[in-house]
Amino acid sequence: MKIYREIADAITEFEVLDDGSLTAKALFLPEFTGFKGHFENQPIMPGICQLELVRAVVERGLGQKLTLMQVKSVKFLHVVKPGEEIELKVEINNCADTLIVDAVVSCAANKVAKIKLELAIED
């Protein structure tokens, strides 16, 4: 899927911390497919792209493909515009056969989103 590849390729920095949590930075240029049509003349990053970015960061951290099973909670607090660098802090908790992921997305001094996802490791 082209847009998912674009999302994964937008990750500019990535680190696994000693406690197992992940940090990452991403930069989405004006040409990013997600900005097209969302919204005309005032593009902002769609929320689904932020969810997929969290999944991409966790996949990189675990070295495994993941499937989004459920959005447990999400709160969007600020918009992301083309060319703005965003930062992610992600905590991963194992829960039976799935992962529960808590992520905070920030841009400059603004918290952009708080996201909680349930992900499953693909076979």
N, C-alpha and C. Protein backbone atom coordinates (compact mmCIF):
# COMPACT_ATOMS: atom_id res chain seq x y z
N MET A 1 0.85 -1.16 0.00
CA MET A 1 0.00 0.00 0.00
C MET A 1 0.90 1.24 0.00
N LYS A 2 0.73 2.10 -0.97
CA LYS A 2 1.60 3.25 -1.16
C LYS A 2 1.62 4.18 0.05
N ILE A 3 0.48 4.53 0.57
CA ILE A 3 0.45 5.49 1.67
C ILE A 3 1.12 4.93 2.92
N TYR A 4 0.97 3.64 3.19
CA TYR A 4 1.62 3.06 4.36
C TYR A 4 3.14 3.12 4.19
N ARG A 5 3.64 2.87 2.99
CA ARG A 5 5.08 2.96 2.71
C ARG A 5 5.56 4.40 2.94
N GLU A 6 4.75 5.37 2.49
CA GLU A 6 5.09 6.77 2.70
C GLU A 6 5.16 7.10 4.19
N ILE A 7 4.23 6.56 4.95
CA ILE A 7 4.21 6.81 6.40
C ILE A 7 5.46 6.23 7.04
N ALA A 8 5.80 4.99 6.73
CA ALA A 8 6.99 4.36 7.29
C ALA A 8 8.26 5.09 6.87
N ASP A 9 8.30 5.56 5.63
CA ASP A 9 9.47 6.27 5.12
C ASP A 9 9.63 7.66 5.73
N ALA A 10 8.57 8.22 6.31
CA ALA A 10 8.63 9.55 6.91
C ALA A 10 9.35 9.55 8.26
N ILE A 11 9.59 8.36 8.82
CA ILE A 11 10.28 8.26 10.11
C ILE A 11 11.74 8.65 9.90
N THR A 12 12.17 9.72 10.59
CA THR A 12 13.53 10.23 10.41
C THR A 12 14.46 9.82 11.54
N GLU A 13 13.92 9.57 12.71
CA GLU A 13 14.71 9.11 13.85
C GLU A 13 13.92 8.05 14.59
N PHE A 14 14.65 7.12 15.21
CA PHE A 14 13.99 6.01 15.90
C PHE A 14 14.92 5.51 16.99
N GLU A 15 14.36 5.20 18.16
CA GLU A 15 15.18 4.67 19.25
C GLU A 15 14.34 3.77 20.15
N VAL A 16 14.94 2.65 20.55
CA VAL A 16 14.36 1.78 21.56
C VAL A 16 15.06 2.12 22.87
N LEU A 17 14.30 2.52 23.87
CA LEU A 17 14.87 2.90 25.16
C LEU A 17 15.08 1.67 26.04
N ASP A 18 15.86 1.84 27.10
CA ASP A 18 16.18 0.73 28.01
C ASP A 18 14.95 0.07 28.60
N ASP A 19 13.89 0.84 28.83
CA ASP A 19 12.68 0.28 29.42
C ASP A 19 11.76 -0.39 28.39
N GLY A 20 12.21 -0.44 27.12
CA GLY A 20 11.42 -1.08 26.06
C GLY A 20 10.50 -0.14 25.33
N SER A 21 10.37 1.09 25.82
CA SER A 21 9.54 2.04 25.10
C SER A 21 10.28 2.55 23.87
N LEU A 22 9.54 3.19 22.99
CA LEU A 22 10.09 3.64 21.71
C LEU A 22 9.92 5.15 21.59
N THR A 23 10.87 5.78 20.94
CA THR A 23 10.72 7.18 20.56
C THR A 23 11.04 7.29 19.08
N ALA A 24 10.38 8.23 18.44
CA ALA A 24 10.62 8.42 17.01
C ALA A 24 10.28 9.85 16.63
N LYS A 25 10.85 10.26 15.51
CA LYS A 25 10.49 11.53 14.89
C LYS A 25 10.12 11.23 13.45
N ALA A 26 9.20 12.02 12.92
CA ALA A 26 8.77 11.84 11.54
C ALA A 26 8.52 13.21 10.91
N LEU A 27 8.75 13.27 9.62
CA LEU A 27 8.54 14.50 8.88
C LEU A 27 7.73 14.18 7.63
N PHE A 28 6.59 14.83 7.51
CA PHE A 28 5.70 14.63 6.36
C PHE A 28 5.75 15.87 5.48
N LEU A 29 6.34 15.72 4.31
CA LEU A 29 6.50 16.82 3.36
C LEU A 29 5.17 17.14 2.68
N PRO A 30 5.05 18.31 2.08
CA PRO A 30 3.79 18.69 1.43
C PRO A 30 3.32 17.70 0.36
N GLU A 31 4.23 16.92 -0.21
CA GLU A 31 3.86 15.95 -1.26
C GLU A 31 3.21 14.68 -0.71
N PHE A 32 3.20 14.49 0.60
CA PHE A 32 2.65 13.29 1.21
C PHE A 32 1.21 13.07 0.76
N THR A 33 0.91 11.87 0.32
CA THR A 33 -0.41 11.52 -0.20
C THR A 33 -1.54 11.86 0.78
N GLY A 34 -1.29 11.69 2.07
CA GLY A 34 -2.32 11.93 3.07
C GLY A 34 -2.83 13.36 3.11
N PHE A 35 -2.03 14.31 2.64
CA PHE A 35 -2.45 15.71 2.64
C PHE A 35 -3.39 16.05 1.50
N LYS A 36 -3.41 15.20 0.47
CA LYS A 36 -4.24 15.50 -0.71
C LYS A 36 -5.72 15.37 -0.35
N GLY A 37 -6.44 16.46 -0.47
CA GLY A 37 -7.87 16.44 -0.20
C GLY A 37 -8.24 16.54 1.26
N HIS A 38 -7.27 16.74 2.13
CA HIS A 38 -7.55 16.81 3.57
C HIS A 38 -6.82 18.01 4.15
N PHE A 39 -7.14 19.14 3.94
CA PHE A 39 -8.30 19.74 3.26
C PHE A 39 -7.78 20.68 2.18
N GLU A 40 -8.57 20.92 1.18
CA GLU A 40 -8.15 21.75 0.05
C GLU A 40 -7.70 23.12 0.55
N ASN A 41 -6.54 23.53 0.12
CA ASN A 41 -5.91 24.82 0.45
C ASN A 41 -5.49 24.97 1.91
N GLN A 42 -5.78 24.02 2.76
CA GLN A 42 -5.31 24.04 4.15
C GLN A 42 -5.06 22.60 4.60
N PRO A 43 -4.03 21.95 4.04
CA PRO A 43 -3.81 20.54 4.34
C PRO A 43 -3.38 20.28 5.79
N ILE A 44 -3.96 19.24 6.36
CA ILE A 44 -3.55 18.75 7.67
C ILE A 44 -3.47 17.23 7.60
N MET A 45 -2.68 16.67 8.50
CA MET A 45 -2.51 15.22 8.49
C MET A 45 -3.78 14.53 9.01
N PRO A 46 -4.31 13.58 8.25
CA PRO A 46 -5.48 12.84 8.71
C PRO A 46 -5.16 12.01 9.96
N GLY A 47 -6.13 11.88 10.83
CA GLY A 47 -5.95 11.10 12.05
C GLY A 47 -5.54 9.66 11.78
N ILE A 48 -6.10 9.05 10.74
CA ILE A 48 -5.76 7.65 10.43
C ILE A 48 -4.27 7.52 10.11
N CYS A 49 -3.69 8.55 9.53
CA CYS A 49 -2.25 8.51 9.23
C CYS A 49 -1.43 8.53 10.52
N GLN A 50 -1.92 9.22 11.53
CA GLN A 50 -1.23 9.22 12.82
C GLN A 50 -1.31 7.83 13.46
N LEU A 51 -2.47 7.19 13.34
CA LEU A 51 -2.61 5.82 13.87
C LEU A 51 -1.64 4.88 13.15
N GLU A 52 -1.57 5.00 11.84
CA GLU A 52 -0.69 4.14 11.06
C GLU A 52 0.78 4.44 11.36
N LEU A 53 1.10 5.68 11.68
CA LEU A 53 2.47 6.02 12.06
C LEU A 53 2.85 5.31 13.35
N VAL A 54 1.94 5.28 14.31
CA VAL A 54 2.20 4.55 15.56
C VAL A 54 2.46 3.08 15.25
N ARG A 55 1.63 2.50 14.41
CA ARG A 55 1.83 1.08 14.04
C ARG A 55 3.19 0.88 13.38
N ALA A 56 3.58 1.79 12.47
CA ALA A 56 4.86 1.69 11.78
C ALA A 56 6.04 1.76 12.75
N VAL A 57 5.92 2.62 13.75
CA VAL A 57 6.98 2.75 14.75
C VAL A 57 7.10 1.46 15.56
N VAL A 58 5.97 0.89 15.97
CA VAL A 58 6.00 -0.36 16.75
C VAL A 58 6.54 -1.50 15.88
N GLU A 59 6.14 -1.56 14.62
CA GLU A 59 6.68 -2.60 13.73
C GLU A 59 8.19 -2.51 13.64
N ARG A 60 8.70 -1.29 13.51
CA ARG A 60 10.15 -1.12 13.44
C ARG A 60 10.80 -1.56 14.74
N GLY A 61 10.19 -1.23 15.87
CA GLY A 61 10.74 -1.60 17.16
C GLY A 61 10.78 -3.09 17.40
N LEU A 62 9.74 -3.79 16.95
CA LEU A 62 9.66 -5.23 17.16
C LEU A 62 10.24 -6.05 16.01
N GLY A 63 10.40 -5.41 14.87
CA GLY A 63 10.88 -6.13 13.69
C GLY A 63 9.86 -7.13 13.17
N GLN A 64 8.57 -6.85 13.39
CA GLN A 64 7.51 -7.76 12.95
C GLN A 64 6.35 -6.95 12.36
N LYS A 65 5.64 -7.56 11.42
CA LYS A 65 4.44 -6.95 10.86
C LYS A 65 3.31 -7.06 11.87
N LEU A 66 2.51 -6.00 11.94
CA LEU A 66 1.41 -5.96 12.89
C LEU A 66 0.11 -5.61 12.19
N THR A 67 -0.99 -6.07 12.78
CA THR A 67 -2.33 -5.75 12.30
C THR A 67 -3.03 -4.92 13.37
N LEU A 68 -3.67 -3.85 12.95
CA LEU A 68 -4.46 -3.04 13.86
C LEU A 68 -5.75 -3.79 14.16
N MET A 69 -5.95 -4.16 15.41
CA MET A 69 -7.15 -4.90 15.81
C MET A 69 -8.24 -3.96 16.30
N GLN A 70 -7.84 -2.95 17.08
CA GLN A 70 -8.83 -2.07 17.68
C GLN A 70 -8.18 -0.75 18.09
N VAL A 71 -8.92 0.33 17.87
CA VAL A 71 -8.54 1.62 18.42
C VAL A 71 -9.23 1.70 19.78
N LYS A 72 -8.46 1.54 20.84
CA LYS A 72 -9.03 1.53 22.19
C LYS A 72 -9.48 2.94 22.60
N SER A 73 -8.65 3.92 22.29
CA SER A 73 -9.02 5.32 22.53
C SER A 73 -8.11 6.21 21.70
N VAL A 74 -8.63 7.34 21.34
CA VAL A 74 -7.83 8.33 20.61
C VAL A 74 -8.40 9.71 20.90
N LYS A 75 -7.50 10.63 21.12
CA LYS A 75 -7.91 12.02 21.33
C LYS A 75 -6.95 12.88 20.52
N PHE A 76 -7.50 13.57 19.52
CA PHE A 76 -6.72 14.47 18.70
C PHE A 76 -6.81 15.86 19.31
N LEU A 77 -5.66 16.47 19.56
CA LEU A 77 -5.60 17.73 20.29
C LEU A 77 -5.09 18.91 19.48
N HIS A 78 -4.38 18.62 18.40
CA HIS A 78 -3.75 19.67 17.61
C HIS A 78 -3.52 19.13 16.20
N VAL A 79 -3.50 20.01 15.21
CA VAL A 79 -3.29 19.57 13.83
C VAL A 79 -1.80 19.52 13.50
N VAL A 80 -1.47 18.69 12.51
CA VAL A 80 -0.12 18.60 11.96
C VAL A 80 -0.20 19.08 10.52
N LYS A 81 0.62 20.07 10.22
CA LYS A 81 0.64 20.65 8.88
C LYS A 81 1.85 20.12 8.11
N PRO A 82 1.81 20.23 6.78
CA PRO A 82 2.95 19.78 5.97
C PRO A 82 4.25 20.43 6.42
N GLY A 83 5.30 19.62 6.49
CA GLY A 83 6.62 20.12 6.84
C GLY A 83 6.90 20.23 8.32
N GLU A 84 5.94 19.92 9.17
CA GLU A 84 6.16 19.97 10.61
C GLU A 84 6.70 18.62 11.09
N GLU A 85 7.76 18.67 11.90
CA GLU A 85 8.31 17.44 12.47
C GLU A 85 7.48 17.03 13.67
N ILE A 86 7.13 15.77 13.73
CA ILE A 86 6.37 15.28 14.88
C ILE A 86 7.21 14.25 15.64
N GLU A 87 6.96 14.18 16.93
CA GLU A 87 7.66 13.25 17.80
C GLU A 87 6.66 12.28 18.41
N LEU A 88 7.10 11.04 18.58
CA LEU A 88 6.25 10.02 19.19
C LEU A 88 6.96 9.39 20.38
N LYS A 89 6.20 9.11 21.41
CA LYS A 89 6.66 8.32 22.54
C LYS A 89 5.66 7.18 22.67
N VAL A 90 6.17 5.96 22.62
CA VAL A 90 5.29 4.79 22.56
C VAL A 90 5.67 3.78 23.63
N GLU A 91 4.67 3.32 24.38
CA GLU A 91 4.86 2.24 25.35
C GLU A 91 4.09 1.02 24.86
N ILE A 92 4.71 -0.15 24.98
CA ILE A 92 4.11 -1.39 24.50
C ILE A 92 3.90 -2.31 25.69
N ASN A 93 2.66 -2.84 25.80
CA ASN A 93 2.33 -3.80 26.86
C ASN A 93 1.81 -5.07 26.22
N ASN A 94 2.39 -6.21 26.59
CA ASN A 94 1.89 -7.49 26.10
C ASN A 94 0.64 -7.86 26.87
N CYS A 95 -0.38 -8.32 26.14
CA CYS A 95 -1.65 -8.68 26.75
C CYS A 95 -2.16 -9.91 26.02
N ALA A 96 -1.92 -11.08 26.58
CA ALA A 96 -2.31 -12.36 25.94
C ALA A 96 -1.65 -12.45 24.57
N ASP A 97 -2.44 -12.54 23.52
CA ASP A 97 -1.88 -12.70 22.17
C ASP A 97 -1.87 -11.39 21.37
N THR A 98 -2.09 -10.25 22.05
CA THR A 98 -2.05 -8.97 21.38
C THR A 98 -1.15 -8.00 22.16
N LEU A 99 -0.91 -6.86 21.56
CA LEU A 99 -0.14 -5.80 22.19
C LEU A 99 -1.05 -4.61 22.43
N ILE A 100 -0.93 -3.99 23.58
CA ILE A 100 -1.64 -2.75 23.85
C ILE A 100 -0.58 -1.66 23.80
N VAL A 101 -0.80 -0.69 22.94
CA VAL A 101 0.17 0.35 22.67
C VAL A 101 -0.40 1.71 23.09
N ASP A 102 0.34 2.42 23.92
CA ASP A 102 -0.02 3.78 24.31
C ASP A 102 0.98 4.73 23.67
N ALA A 103 0.48 5.72 22.93
CA ALA A 103 1.37 6.64 22.22
C ALA A 103 0.94 8.08 22.47
N VAL A 104 1.94 8.93 22.55
CA VAL A 104 1.73 10.38 22.60
C VAL A 104 2.44 10.95 21.39
N VAL A 105 1.71 11.71 20.60
CA VAL A 105 2.25 12.37 19.41
C VAL A 105 2.33 13.85 19.72
N SER A 106 3.50 14.45 19.47
CA SER A 106 3.70 15.87 19.74
C SER A 106 4.31 16.56 18.52
N CYS A 107 4.08 17.85 18.46
CA CYS A 107 4.64 18.68 17.39
C CYS A 107 5.06 20.00 18.04
N ALA A 108 6.36 20.29 18.02
CA ALA A 108 6.91 21.46 18.71
C ALA A 108 6.50 21.35 20.18
N ALA A 109 5.85 22.34 20.71
CA ALA A 109 5.46 22.30 22.13
C ALA A 109 4.04 21.80 22.32
N ASN A 110 3.39 21.39 21.25
CA ASN A 110 1.98 20.98 21.32
C ASN A 110 1.81 19.47 21.32
N LYS A 111 0.99 18.98 22.23
CA LYS A 111 0.60 17.57 22.19
C LYS A 111 -0.44 17.45 21.08
N VAL A 112 -0.17 16.59 20.11
CA VAL A 112 -1.04 16.43 18.94
C VAL A 112 -2.11 15.38 19.18
N ALA A 113 -1.73 14.25 19.78
CA ALA A 113 -2.70 13.17 19.98
C ALA A 113 -2.25 12.24 21.09
N LYS A 114 -3.24 11.62 21.74
CA LYS A 114 -3.02 10.52 22.67
C LYS A 114 -3.75 9.33 22.07
N ILE A 115 -3.02 8.25 21.87
CA ILE A 115 -3.56 7.11 21.12
C ILE A 115 -3.31 5.83 21.89
N LYS A 116 -4.34 4.98 21.95
CA LYS A 116 -4.20 3.65 22.55
C LYS A 116 -4.74 2.65 21.53
N LEU A 117 -3.87 1.73 21.10
CA LEU A 117 -4.23 0.75 20.07
C LEU A 117 -4.02 -0.66 20.57
N GLU A 118 -4.79 -1.57 20.00
CA GLU A 118 -4.56 -3.00 20.18
C GLU A 118 -4.04 -3.52 18.86
N LEU A 119 -2.84 -4.10 18.89
CA LEU A 119 -2.19 -4.62 17.69
C LEU A 119 -1.93 -6.11 17.85
N ALA A 120 -1.98 -6.84 16.74
CA ALA A 120 -1.68 -8.27 16.75
C ALA A 120 -0.50 -8.52 15.82
N ILE A 121 0.35 -9.43 16.24
CA ILE A 121 1.49 -9.82 15.40
C ILE A 121 0.98 -10.73 14.29
N GLU A 122 1.35 -10.39 13.04
CA GLU A 122 0.94 -11.19 11.90
C GLU A 122 1.75 -12.48 11.86
N ASP A 123 1.11 -13.56 11.41
CA ASP A 123 1.81 -14.85 11.28
C ASP A 123 2.67 -14.89 10.06
